[in-house]
Amino acid sequence: MNAGAALDDSGRLSEREAGHVGDRGVSLRWILVHMIEEYARHNGHADLVRERIDGVTGA
């Protein structure tokens, strides 16, 4: 990634990757939003595991 890249800059996915997304063209904005979504989803899973181990909720 270029430090001077704009969020509306775009790239193309491979055909295999596009099969999961539905389109080959993606913007840097799209990539960053989906990375944040995935991070949040997995972070939530880690919280559930930690809560089962130590019993502390909402920490």
C-alpha atoms as a PDB file:
ATOM      1  CA  MET A   1       0.000   0.000   0.000  1.00  0.00           C
ATOM      2  CA  ASN A   2       1.234   3.453  -0.878  1.00  0.00           C
ATOM      3  CA  ALA A   3       1.205   6.048   1.930  1.00  0.00           C
ATOM      4  CA  GLY A   4      -0.158   8.578  -0.550  1.00  0.00           C
ATOM      5  CA  ALA A   5      -3.009   6.348  -1.719  1.00  0.00           C
ATOM      6  CA  ALA A   6      -6.544   7.734  -1.616  1.00  0.00           C
ATOM      7  CA  LEU A   7      -9.440   5.753  -0.148  1.00  0.00           C
ATOM      8  CA  ASP A   8     -11.133   5.775  -3.542  1.00  0.00           C
ATOM      9  CA  ASP A   9      -8.120   4.205  -5.314  1.00  0.00           C
ATOM     10  CA  SER A  10      -9.098   0.826  -6.666  1.00  0.00           C
ATOM     11  CA  GLY A  11      -7.640  -2.531  -7.484  1.00  0.00           C
ATOM     12  CA  ARG A  12      -8.779  -5.845  -8.898  1.00  0.00           C
ATOM     13  CA  LEU A  13      -9.265  -9.176  -7.166  1.00  0.00           C
ATOM     14  CA  SER A  14      -8.501 -12.534  -8.708  1.00  0.00           C
ATOM     15  CA  GLU A  15     -11.478 -14.438 -10.105  1.00  0.00           C
ATOM     16  CA  ARG A  16     -11.371 -16.835  -7.128  1.00  0.00           C
ATOM     17  CA  GLU A  17     -11.433 -13.995  -4.577  1.00  0.00           C
ATOM     18  CA  ALA A  18     -14.109 -12.153  -6.548  1.00  0.00           C
ATOM     19  CA  GLY A  19     -16.323 -15.228  -6.202  1.00  0.00           C
ATOM     20  CA  HIS A  20     -16.565 -14.521  -2.449  1.00  0.00           C
ATOM     21  CA  VAL A  21     -17.078 -10.777  -2.866  1.00  0.00           C
ATOM     22  CA  GLY A  22     -19.199 -10.689  -5.994  1.00  0.00           C
ATOM     23  CA  ASP A  23     -17.097  -8.121  -7.880  1.00  0.00           C
ATOM     24  CA  ARG A  24     -13.486  -7.962  -9.030  1.00  0.00           C
ATOM     25  CA  GLY A  25     -13.093  -4.213  -8.492  1.00  0.00           C
ATOM     26  CA  VAL A  26     -12.528  -3.016  -4.922  1.00  0.00           C
ATOM     27  CA  SER A  27     -11.451   0.312  -3.438  1.00  0.00           C
ATOM     28  CA  LEU A  28      -8.945   0.848  -0.664  1.00  0.00           C
ATOM     29  CA  ARG A  29     -11.888   2.098   1.418  1.00  0.00           C
ATOM     30  CA  TRP A  30     -13.712  -1.233   0.882  1.00  0.00           C
ATOM     31  CA  ILE A  31     -10.611  -3.203   1.903  1.00  0.00           C
ATOM     32  CA  LEU A  32     -10.064  -1.180   5.089  1.00  0.00           C
ATOM     33  CA  VAL A  33     -13.736  -1.358   6.137  1.00  0.00           C
ATOM     34  CA  HIS A  34     -13.790  -5.133   5.705  1.00  0.00           C
ATOM     35  CA  MET A  35     -10.517  -5.532   7.608  1.00  0.00           C
ATOM     36  CA  ILE A  36     -12.024  -3.583  10.526  1.00  0.00           C
ATOM     37  CA  GLU A  37     -15.207  -5.701  10.373  1.00  0.00           C
ATOM     38  CA  GLU A  38     -13.221  -8.945  10.443  1.00  0.00           C
ATOM     39  CA  TYR A  39     -11.017  -7.719  13.289  1.00  0.00           C
ATOM     40  CA  ALA A  40     -14.083  -6.742  15.338  1.00  0.00           C
ATOM     41  CA  ARG A  41     -15.772 -10.081  14.651  1.00  0.00           C
ATOM     42  CA  HIS A  42     -12.764 -12.102  15.769  1.00  0.00           C
ATOM     43  CA  ASN A  43     -12.087  -9.831  18.720  1.00  0.00           C
ATOM     44  CA  GLY A  44     -15.628 -10.608  19.914  1.00  0.00           C
ATOM     45  CA  HIS A  45     -14.909 -14.324  19.637  1.00  0.00           C
ATOM     46  CA  ALA A  46     -11.756 -13.908  21.727  1.00  0.00           C
ATOM     47  CA  ASP A  47     -13.785 -12.094  24.406  1.00  0.00           C
ATOM     48  CA  LEU A  48     -16.200 -15.020  24.612  1.00  0.00           C
ATOM     49  CA  VAL A  49     -13.328 -17.481  25.070  1.00  0.00           C
ATOM     50  CA  ARG A  50     -11.669 -15.279  27.701  1.00  0.00           C
ATOM     51  CA  GLU A  51     -14.962 -14.900  29.612  1.00  0.00           C
ATOM     52  CA  ARG A  52     -15.337 -18.699  29.723  1.00  0.00           C
ATOM     53  CA  ILE A  53     -11.787 -19.057  31.055  1.00  0.00           C
ATOM     54  CA  ASP A  54     -11.693 -16.336  33.726  1.00  0.00           C
ATOM     55  CA  GLY A  55     -15.418 -15.719  34.345  1.00  0.00           C
ATOM     56  CA  VAL A  56     -15.028 -11.932  34.111  1.00  0.00           C
ATOM     57  CA  THR A  57     -17.574 -10.232  31.851  1.00  0.00           C
ATOM     58  CA  GLY A  58     -17.523  -6.700  30.489  1.00  0.00           C
ATOM     59  CA  ALA A  59     -13.848  -6.150  31.304  1.00  0.00           C
END
